Amino acid sequence: MSEALEPVFQIQRVYLKEASLEQPNSPAILLVQEQPTVDIQLAVSAEPAAEGVFEVCVSATVQTKIEDKTVFLVECKQAGIFEIRNLPDEQMGPIMGIACPQIVYPYLRANVADLINRAGFPPVHLSEINFQAMYEQQQQTRAVEGTPQ
């Protein structure tokens, strides 16, 4: 008689994996009185770290420009290590593409705002993200392109 194993989902650690700030046109660009444009890009990735242990990263790139000159560029990657065991395969994608990023993202938001503020700029607050919608869109894109889930 075999017992069904209990599902395991535990946060092992949340940490700042990478952060960089560039101000390539300072100090001259800081004297310009024009309002900069802001471009924000987000990405989610998940990799196995050990048996039943996964690293999930949420990364953000924030670039502000005045005309064609960069005011600042911030690249930040926040990661979490999660123990995930005894879950059906069809649940692993949503767990790593929705649940884990939802846990990691608030830390990323705080670190990005803090880094920009410490650089002497008003903080850029990343908006809330619907990771379920983002995950579903990625799945639809993969289905259309014929790439594996």
N, C-alpha and C. Protein backbone atom coordinates (compact mmCIF):
# COMPACT_ATOMS: atom_id res chain seq x y z
N MET A 1 0.85 -1.17 0.00
CA MET A 1 0.00 0.00 0.00
C MET A 1 0.90 1.23 0.00
N SER A 2 0.74 2.06 -1.02
CA SER A 2 1.58 3.25 -1.09
C SER A 2 0.78 4.48 -0.69
N GLU A 3 1.42 5.30 0.09
CA GLU A 3 0.77 6.54 0.53
C GLU A 3 1.08 7.64 -0.47
N ALA A 4 0.08 8.47 -0.73
CA ALA A 4 0.31 9.63 -1.60
C ALA A 4 1.18 10.62 -0.83
N LEU A 5 2.20 11.10 -1.50
CA LEU A 5 3.09 12.06 -0.86
C LEU A 5 2.42 13.42 -0.80
N GLU A 6 2.61 14.10 0.31
CA GLU A 6 2.05 15.43 0.50
C GLU A 6 2.76 16.44 -0.40
N PRO A 7 2.02 17.33 -1.04
CA PRO A 7 2.68 18.38 -1.83
C PRO A 7 3.47 19.31 -0.91
N VAL A 8 4.60 19.78 -1.43
CA VAL A 8 5.46 20.70 -0.67
C VAL A 8 5.67 21.96 -1.51
N PHE A 9 5.44 23.12 -0.88
CA PHE A 9 5.75 24.40 -1.49
C PHE A 9 6.28 25.29 -0.38
N GLN A 10 7.59 25.54 -0.41
CA GLN A 10 8.21 26.35 0.63
C GLN A 10 9.16 27.36 0.01
N ILE A 11 9.15 28.56 0.59
CA ILE A 11 10.11 29.58 0.18
C ILE A 11 11.39 29.33 0.98
N GLN A 12 12.48 29.09 0.28
CA GLN A 12 13.76 28.89 0.96
C GLN A 12 14.45 30.24 1.20
N ARG A 13 14.38 31.12 0.18
CA ARG A 13 15.07 32.40 0.29
C ARG A 13 14.61 33.32 -0.85
N VAL A 14 14.53 34.61 -0.55
CA VAL A 14 14.30 35.64 -1.57
C VAL A 14 15.50 36.57 -1.49
N TYR A 15 16.12 36.86 -2.64
CA TYR A 15 17.34 37.65 -2.62
C TYR A 15 17.50 38.49 -3.88
N LEU A 16 18.25 39.57 -3.75
CA LEU A 16 18.61 40.42 -4.88
C LEU A 16 19.77 39.75 -5.60
N LYS A 17 19.52 39.26 -6.80
CA LYS A 17 20.54 38.52 -7.54
C LYS A 17 21.48 39.44 -8.30
N GLU A 18 20.93 40.53 -8.82
CA GLU A 18 21.74 41.40 -9.67
C GLU A 18 21.10 42.79 -9.70
N ALA A 19 21.92 43.82 -9.67
CA ALA A 19 21.42 45.19 -9.81
C ALA A 19 22.50 46.05 -10.43
N SER A 20 22.09 46.88 -11.39
CA SER A 20 23.05 47.83 -11.97
C SER A 20 22.34 49.13 -12.29
N LEU A 21 23.11 50.20 -12.22
CA LEU A 21 22.61 51.53 -12.52
C LEU A 21 23.66 52.23 -13.37
N GLU A 22 23.20 52.80 -14.47
CA GLU A 22 24.10 53.56 -15.33
C GLU A 22 23.51 54.94 -15.56
N GLN A 23 24.36 55.95 -15.52
CA GLN A 23 24.00 57.33 -15.87
C GLN A 23 25.03 57.81 -16.89
N PRO A 24 24.98 57.31 -18.11
CA PRO A 24 26.06 57.56 -19.07
C PRO A 24 26.20 59.01 -19.51
N ASN A 25 25.16 59.82 -19.38
CA ASN A 25 25.24 61.20 -19.86
C ASN A 25 25.25 62.23 -18.74
N SER A 26 25.53 61.76 -17.52
CA SER A 26 25.62 62.69 -16.38
C SER A 26 26.99 63.35 -16.40
N PRO A 27 27.12 64.56 -15.97
CA PRO A 27 26.11 65.41 -15.34
C PRO A 27 25.32 66.26 -16.33
N ALA A 28 25.73 66.34 -17.60
CA ALA A 28 25.09 67.27 -18.54
C ALA A 28 23.59 67.02 -18.68
N ILE A 29 23.18 65.77 -18.74
CA ILE A 29 21.76 65.46 -18.95
C ILE A 29 20.91 65.91 -17.76
N LEU A 30 21.52 66.00 -16.58
CA LEU A 30 20.79 66.41 -15.38
C LEU A 30 20.40 67.88 -15.40
N LEU A 31 21.04 68.64 -16.26
CA LEU A 31 20.75 70.07 -16.35
C LEU A 31 19.61 70.36 -17.34
N VAL A 32 19.22 69.37 -18.11
CA VAL A 32 18.13 69.53 -19.08
C VAL A 32 16.80 69.54 -18.33
N GLN A 33 15.95 70.49 -18.63
CA GLN A 33 14.68 70.66 -17.91
C GLN A 33 13.53 69.87 -18.54
N GLU A 34 13.79 69.11 -19.55
CA GLU A 34 12.75 68.37 -20.25
C GLU A 34 12.36 67.11 -19.46
N GLN A 35 11.10 66.70 -19.60
CA GLN A 35 10.60 65.50 -18.93
C GLN A 35 11.07 64.26 -19.71
N PRO A 36 11.71 63.29 -19.04
CA PRO A 36 12.19 62.11 -19.76
C PRO A 36 11.05 61.11 -20.05
N THR A 37 11.27 60.28 -21.06
CA THR A 37 10.37 59.15 -21.31
C THR A 37 10.87 57.97 -20.49
N VAL A 38 9.97 57.11 -20.09
CA VAL A 38 10.33 55.95 -19.27
C VAL A 38 9.90 54.68 -19.99
N ASP A 39 10.81 53.74 -20.13
CA ASP A 39 10.52 52.44 -20.74
C ASP A 39 10.82 51.37 -19.70
N ILE A 40 9.84 50.50 -19.44
CA ILE A 40 10.00 49.44 -18.44
C ILE A 40 9.75 48.09 -19.10
N GLN A 41 10.70 47.18 -18.93
CA GLN A 41 10.57 45.82 -19.45
C GLN A 41 10.68 44.85 -18.28
N LEU A 42 9.79 43.83 -18.25
CA LEU A 42 9.82 42.81 -17.21
C LEU A 42 9.96 41.44 -17.83
N ALA A 43 10.59 40.54 -17.09
CA ALA A 43 10.73 39.15 -17.54
C ALA A 43 10.73 38.23 -16.33
N VAL A 44 10.29 36.99 -16.57
CA VAL A 44 10.27 35.96 -15.53
C VAL A 44 11.01 34.75 -16.08
N SER A 45 11.86 34.15 -15.25
CA SER A 45 12.52 32.91 -15.65
C SER A 45 12.54 31.96 -14.46
N ALA A 46 12.60 30.67 -14.74
CA ALA A 46 12.66 29.64 -13.70
C ALA A 46 13.64 28.56 -14.13
N GLU A 47 14.49 28.17 -13.20
CA GLU A 47 15.50 27.15 -13.47
C GLU A 47 15.57 26.17 -12.29
N PRO A 48 15.78 24.89 -12.57
CA PRO A 48 16.00 23.98 -11.46
C PRO A 48 17.34 24.27 -10.79
N ALA A 49 17.37 24.23 -9.46
CA ALA A 49 18.61 24.46 -8.71
C ALA A 49 19.14 23.17 -8.12
N ALA A 50 18.24 22.27 -7.77
CA ALA A 50 18.56 20.96 -7.21
C ALA A 50 17.29 20.12 -7.35
N GLU A 51 17.33 18.90 -6.89
CA GLU A 51 16.15 18.04 -6.95
C GLU A 51 15.02 18.66 -6.12
N GLY A 52 13.92 19.05 -6.79
CA GLY A 52 12.77 19.62 -6.09
C GLY A 52 12.96 21.06 -5.63
N VAL A 53 14.05 21.70 -6.08
CA VAL A 53 14.34 23.08 -5.67
C VAL A 53 14.54 23.91 -6.95
N PHE A 54 13.89 25.07 -6.98
CA PHE A 54 13.91 25.90 -8.19
C PHE A 54 14.24 27.34 -7.85
N GLU A 55 14.95 27.99 -8.77
CA GLU A 55 15.19 29.42 -8.65
C GLU A 55 14.27 30.11 -9.65
N VAL A 56 13.48 31.05 -9.15
CA VAL A 56 12.59 31.85 -10.00
C VAL A 56 13.06 33.29 -9.92
N CYS A 57 13.32 33.90 -11.08
CA CYS A 57 13.81 35.28 -11.15
C CYS A 57 12.79 36.16 -11.86
N VAL A 58 12.62 37.34 -11.31
CA VAL A 58 11.83 38.38 -11.97
C VAL A 58 12.81 39.52 -12.21
N SER A 59 12.93 39.94 -13.45
CA SER A 59 13.88 41.00 -13.76
C SER A 59 13.16 42.19 -14.37
N ALA A 60 13.71 43.36 -14.11
CA ALA A 60 13.16 44.61 -14.65
C ALA A 60 14.28 45.43 -15.25
N THR A 61 13.99 46.06 -16.36
CA THR A 61 14.88 47.03 -16.97
C THR A 61 14.10 48.33 -17.08
N VAL A 62 14.62 49.38 -16.46
CA VAL A 62 13.98 50.70 -16.49
C VAL A 62 14.95 51.66 -17.15
N GLN A 63 14.52 52.23 -18.27
CA GLN A 63 15.38 53.18 -18.98
C GLN A 63 14.62 54.48 -19.18
N THR A 64 15.24 55.57 -18.78
CA THR A 64 14.67 56.90 -19.02
C THR A 64 15.56 57.62 -20.01
N LYS A 65 14.89 58.35 -20.92
CA LYS A 65 15.63 59.07 -21.97
C LYS A 65 15.04 60.45 -22.15
N ILE A 66 15.90 61.37 -22.53
CA ILE A 66 15.48 62.67 -23.02
C ILE A 66 15.99 62.72 -24.46
N GLU A 67 15.06 62.79 -25.39
CA GLU A 67 15.34 62.64 -26.81
C GLU A 67 16.03 61.30 -27.02
N ASP A 68 17.25 61.26 -27.52
CA ASP A 68 17.92 59.97 -27.74
C ASP A 68 19.00 59.70 -26.70
N LYS A 69 19.06 60.52 -25.64
CA LYS A 69 20.10 60.36 -24.62
C LYS A 69 19.53 59.72 -23.36
N THR A 70 20.23 58.73 -22.87
CA THR A 70 19.81 58.04 -21.65
C THR A 70 20.07 58.91 -20.43
N VAL A 71 19.04 59.06 -19.60
CA VAL A 71 19.20 59.73 -18.31
C VAL A 71 19.74 58.71 -17.32
N PHE A 72 19.02 57.58 -17.18
CA PHE A 72 19.54 56.47 -16.39
C PHE A 72 18.97 55.16 -16.90
N LEU A 73 19.71 54.11 -16.64
CA LEU A 73 19.31 52.75 -16.98
C LEU A 73 19.51 51.88 -15.75
N VAL A 74 18.43 51.25 -15.30
CA VAL A 74 18.50 50.35 -14.16
C VAL A 74 18.11 48.95 -14.62
N GLU A 75 18.95 47.99 -14.28
CA GLU A 75 18.64 46.59 -14.53
C GLU A 75 18.71 45.88 -13.19
N CYS A 76 17.65 45.19 -12.85
CA CYS A 76 17.56 44.57 -11.53
C CYS A 76 16.93 43.19 -11.67
N LYS A 77 17.50 42.22 -10.97
CA LYS A 77 16.98 40.86 -11.00
C LYS A 77 16.80 40.39 -9.57
N GLN A 78 15.57 40.09 -9.22
CA GLN A 78 15.21 39.59 -7.89
C GLN A 78 14.90 38.10 -8.05
N ALA A 79 15.41 37.30 -7.14
CA ALA A 79 15.21 35.85 -7.27
C ALA A 79 14.68 35.25 -5.97
N GLY A 80 14.12 34.10 -6.13
CA GLY A 80 13.67 33.33 -4.98
C GLY A 80 14.01 31.88 -5.20
N ILE A 81 14.33 31.19 -4.11
CA ILE A 81 14.57 29.76 -4.16
C ILE A 81 13.37 29.10 -3.49
N PHE A 82 12.75 28.19 -4.22
CA PHE A 82 11.52 27.55 -3.76
C PHE A 82 11.68 26.03 -3.79
N GLU A 83 11.25 25.39 -2.72
CA GLU A 83 11.18 23.93 -2.70
C GLU A 83 9.78 23.57 -3.15
N ILE A 84 9.70 22.82 -4.24
CA ILE A 84 8.41 22.42 -4.81
C ILE A 84 8.50 20.92 -5.11
N ARG A 85 7.73 20.15 -4.37
CA ARG A 85 7.77 18.69 -4.53
C ARG A 85 6.36 18.11 -4.55
N ASN A 86 6.27 16.97 -5.20
CA ASN A 86 5.06 16.14 -5.19
C ASN A 86 3.84 16.86 -5.77
N LEU A 87 4.08 17.68 -6.77
CA LEU A 87 2.98 18.33 -7.48
C LEU A 87 2.87 17.71 -8.87
N PRO A 88 1.64 17.61 -9.39
CA PRO A 88 1.49 17.11 -10.76
C PRO A 88 2.20 18.04 -11.74
N ASP A 89 2.74 17.47 -12.81
CA ASP A 89 3.50 18.25 -13.80
C ASP A 89 2.70 19.43 -14.35
N GLU A 90 1.40 19.26 -14.54
CA GLU A 90 0.59 20.34 -15.12
C GLU A 90 0.44 21.53 -14.17
N GLN A 91 0.76 21.35 -12.89
CA GLN A 91 0.70 22.46 -11.93
C GLN A 91 2.04 23.19 -11.80
N MET A 92 3.12 22.57 -12.25
CA MET A 92 4.44 23.17 -12.07
C MET A 92 4.59 24.49 -12.85
N GLY A 93 4.11 24.54 -14.09
CA GLY A 93 4.21 25.76 -14.89
C GLY A 93 3.51 26.94 -14.22
N PRO A 94 2.23 26.78 -13.84
CA PRO A 94 1.56 27.89 -13.16
C PRO A 94 2.19 28.26 -11.81
N ILE A 95 2.70 27.30 -11.07
CA ILE A 95 3.34 27.61 -9.79
C ILE A 95 4.57 28.49 -10.03
N MET A 96 5.41 28.07 -10.99
CA MET A 96 6.65 28.82 -11.24
C MET A 96 6.44 30.07 -12.09
N GLY A 97 5.35 30.12 -12.86
CA GLY A 97 5.09 31.28 -13.70
C GLY A 97 4.15 32.30 -13.10
N ILE A 98 3.41 31.90 -12.04
CA ILE A 98 2.45 32.81 -11.42
C ILE A 98 2.71 32.98 -9.92
N ALA A 99 2.65 31.88 -9.18
CA ALA A 99 2.74 31.96 -7.71
C ALA A 99 4.10 32.47 -7.23
N CYS A 100 5.18 31.90 -7.75
CA CYS A 100 6.51 32.31 -7.31
C CYS A 100 6.83 33.77 -7.69
N PRO A 101 6.56 34.19 -8.94
CA PRO A 101 6.82 35.59 -9.26
C PRO A 101 6.00 36.57 -8.41
N GLN A 102 4.79 36.19 -8.03
CA GLN A 102 3.98 37.06 -7.17
C GLN A 102 4.63 37.26 -5.81
N ILE A 103 5.37 36.28 -5.35
CA ILE A 103 6.07 36.39 -4.07
C ILE A 103 7.32 37.26 -4.21
N VAL A 104 8.04 37.09 -5.30
CA VAL A 104 9.32 37.78 -5.52
C VAL A 104 9.15 39.25 -5.95
N TYR A 105 8.11 39.53 -6.72
CA TYR A 105 7.94 40.84 -7.34
C TYR A 105 7.91 42.03 -6.38
N PRO A 106 7.23 41.96 -5.24
CA PRO A 106 7.26 43.13 -4.34
C PRO A 106 8.67 43.53 -3.90
N TYR A 107 9.54 42.56 -3.73
CA TYR A 107 10.93 42.86 -3.38
C TYR A 107 11.63 43.57 -4.53
N LEU A 108 11.36 43.13 -5.76
CA LEU A 108 11.93 43.77 -6.94
C LEU A 108 11.46 45.22 -7.03
N ARG A 109 10.17 45.45 -6.85
CA ARG A 109 9.61 46.81 -6.91
C ARG A 109 10.32 47.72 -5.91
N ALA A 110 10.49 47.23 -4.69
CA ALA A 110 11.13 48.05 -3.65
C ALA A 110 12.58 48.33 -3.99
N ASN A 111 13.31 47.33 -4.47
CA ASN A 111 14.72 47.52 -4.79
C ASN A 111 14.92 48.47 -5.97
N VAL A 112 14.07 48.38 -6.99
CA VAL A 112 14.18 49.28 -8.14
C VAL A 112 13.92 50.72 -7.69
N ALA A 113 12.85 50.94 -6.94
CA ALA A 113 12.52 52.29 -6.48
C ALA A 113 13.65 52.84 -5.59
N ASP A 114 14.20 52.01 -4.72
CA ASP A 114 15.27 52.44 -3.82
C ASP A 114 16.54 52.79 -4.60
N LEU A 115 16.90 51.94 -5.56
CA LEU A 115 18.12 52.18 -6.34
C LEU A 115 18.02 53.49 -7.12
N ILE A 116 16.87 53.73 -7.74
CA ILE A 116 16.68 54.97 -8.50
C ILE A 116 16.69 56.18 -7.56
N ASN A 117 16.05 56.05 -6.42
CA ASN A 117 16.02 57.14 -5.44
C ASN A 117 17.43 57.44 -4.91
N ARG A 118 18.22 56.41 -4.64
CA ARG A 118 19.59 56.60 -4.15
C ARG A 118 20.49 57.23 -5.20
N ALA A 119 20.10 57.10 -6.48
CA ALA A 119 20.86 57.73 -7.56
C ALA A 119 20.54 59.21 -7.70
N GLY A 120 19.57 59.68 -6.90
CA GLY A 120 19.25 61.10 -6.92
C GLY A 120 18.05 61.46 -7.78
N PHE A 121 17.29 60.47 -8.20
CA PHE A 121 16.11 60.70 -9.02
C PHE A 121 14.85 60.38 -8.23
N PRO A 122 13.72 60.95 -8.64
CA PRO A 122 12.47 60.52 -8.02
C PRO A 122 12.26 59.03 -8.33
N PRO A 123 11.81 58.25 -7.36
CA PRO A 123 11.68 56.81 -7.60
C PRO A 123 10.67 56.50 -8.69
N VAL A 124 10.95 55.47 -9.45
CA VAL A 124 10.01 54.94 -10.43
C VAL A 124 9.35 53.75 -9.75
N HIS A 125 8.05 53.82 -9.59
CA HIS A 125 7.32 52.73 -8.94
C HIS A 125 6.74 51.82 -10.00
N LEU A 126 7.23 50.59 -10.04
CA LEU A 126 6.70 49.61 -10.97
C LEU A 126 5.26 49.30 -10.59
N SER A 127 4.39 49.22 -11.57
CA SER A 127 2.98 48.97 -11.29
C SER A 127 2.77 47.50 -10.91
N GLU A 128 1.61 47.24 -10.33
CA GLU A 128 1.24 45.86 -10.01
C GLU A 128 1.16 45.07 -11.31
N ILE A 129 1.51 43.81 -11.24
CA ILE A 129 1.49 42.94 -12.41
C ILE A 129 0.53 41.79 -12.17
N ASN A 130 -0.26 41.47 -13.17
CA ASN A 130 -1.12 40.29 -13.13
C ASN A 130 -0.31 39.15 -13.75
N PHE A 131 0.38 38.39 -12.90
CA PHE A 131 1.25 37.33 -13.41
C PHE A 131 0.46 36.20 -14.06
N GLN A 132 -0.79 36.02 -13.65
CA GLN A 132 -1.61 34.99 -14.30
C GLN A 132 -1.86 35.36 -15.75
N ALA A 133 -2.24 36.62 -16.00
CA ALA A 133 -2.47 37.07 -17.38
C ALA A 133 -1.18 37.00 -18.19
N MET A 134 -0.06 37.40 -17.57
CA MET A 134 1.24 37.36 -18.24
C MET A 134 1.60 35.92 -18.62
N TYR A 135 1.39 34.99 -17.69
CA TYR A 135 1.69 33.57 -17.92
C TYR A 135 0.80 33.02 -19.04
N GLU A 136 -0.49 33.33 -18.99
CA GLU A 136 -1.41 32.83 -20.01
C GLU A 136 -1.05 33.37 -21.39
N GLN A 137 -0.63 34.63 -21.45
CA GLN A 137 -0.22 35.21 -22.72
C GLN A 137 1.03 34.51 -23.26
N GLN A 138 1.98 34.22 -22.37
CA GLN A 138 3.19 33.49 -22.78
C GLN A 138 2.83 32.10 -23.30
N GLN A 139 1.88 31.43 -22.66
CA GLN A 139 1.47 30.10 -23.10
C GLN A 139 0.81 30.17 -24.47
N GLN A 140 -0.02 31.18 -24.69
CA GLN A 140 -0.66 31.35 -26.01
C GLN A 140 0.38 31.62 -27.08
N THR A 141 1.37 32.47 -26.77
CA THR A 141 2.42 32.78 -27.73
C THR A 141 3.20 31.53 -28.07
N ARG A 142 3.53 30.72 -27.07
CA ARG A 142 4.27 29.48 -27.31
C ARG A 142 3.44 28.52 -28.16
N ALA A 143 2.13 28.45 -27.91
CA ALA A 143 1.26 27.55 -28.68
C ALA A 143 1.23 27.98 -30.13
N VAL A 144 1.14 29.27 -30.38
CA VAL A 144 1.11 29.80 -31.75
C VAL A 144 2.44 29.54 -32.46
N GLU A 145 3.56 29.74 -31.72
CA GLU A 145 4.87 29.55 -32.31
C GLU A 145 5.26 28.07 -32.38
N GLY A 146 4.53 27.22 -31.67
CA GLY A 146 4.82 25.79 -31.68
C GLY A 146 6.00 25.41 -30.82
N THR A 147 6.38 26.28 -29.86
CA THR A 147 7.48 25.94 -28.95
C THR A 147 6.92 25.18 -27.75
N PRO A 148 7.72 24.32 -27.13
CA PRO A 148 7.24 23.55 -25.99
C PRO A 148 6.91 24.44 -24.80
N GLN A 149 5.94 23.99 -24.02
CA GLN A 149 5.52 24.72 -22.82
C GLN A 149 6.59 24.64 -21.84
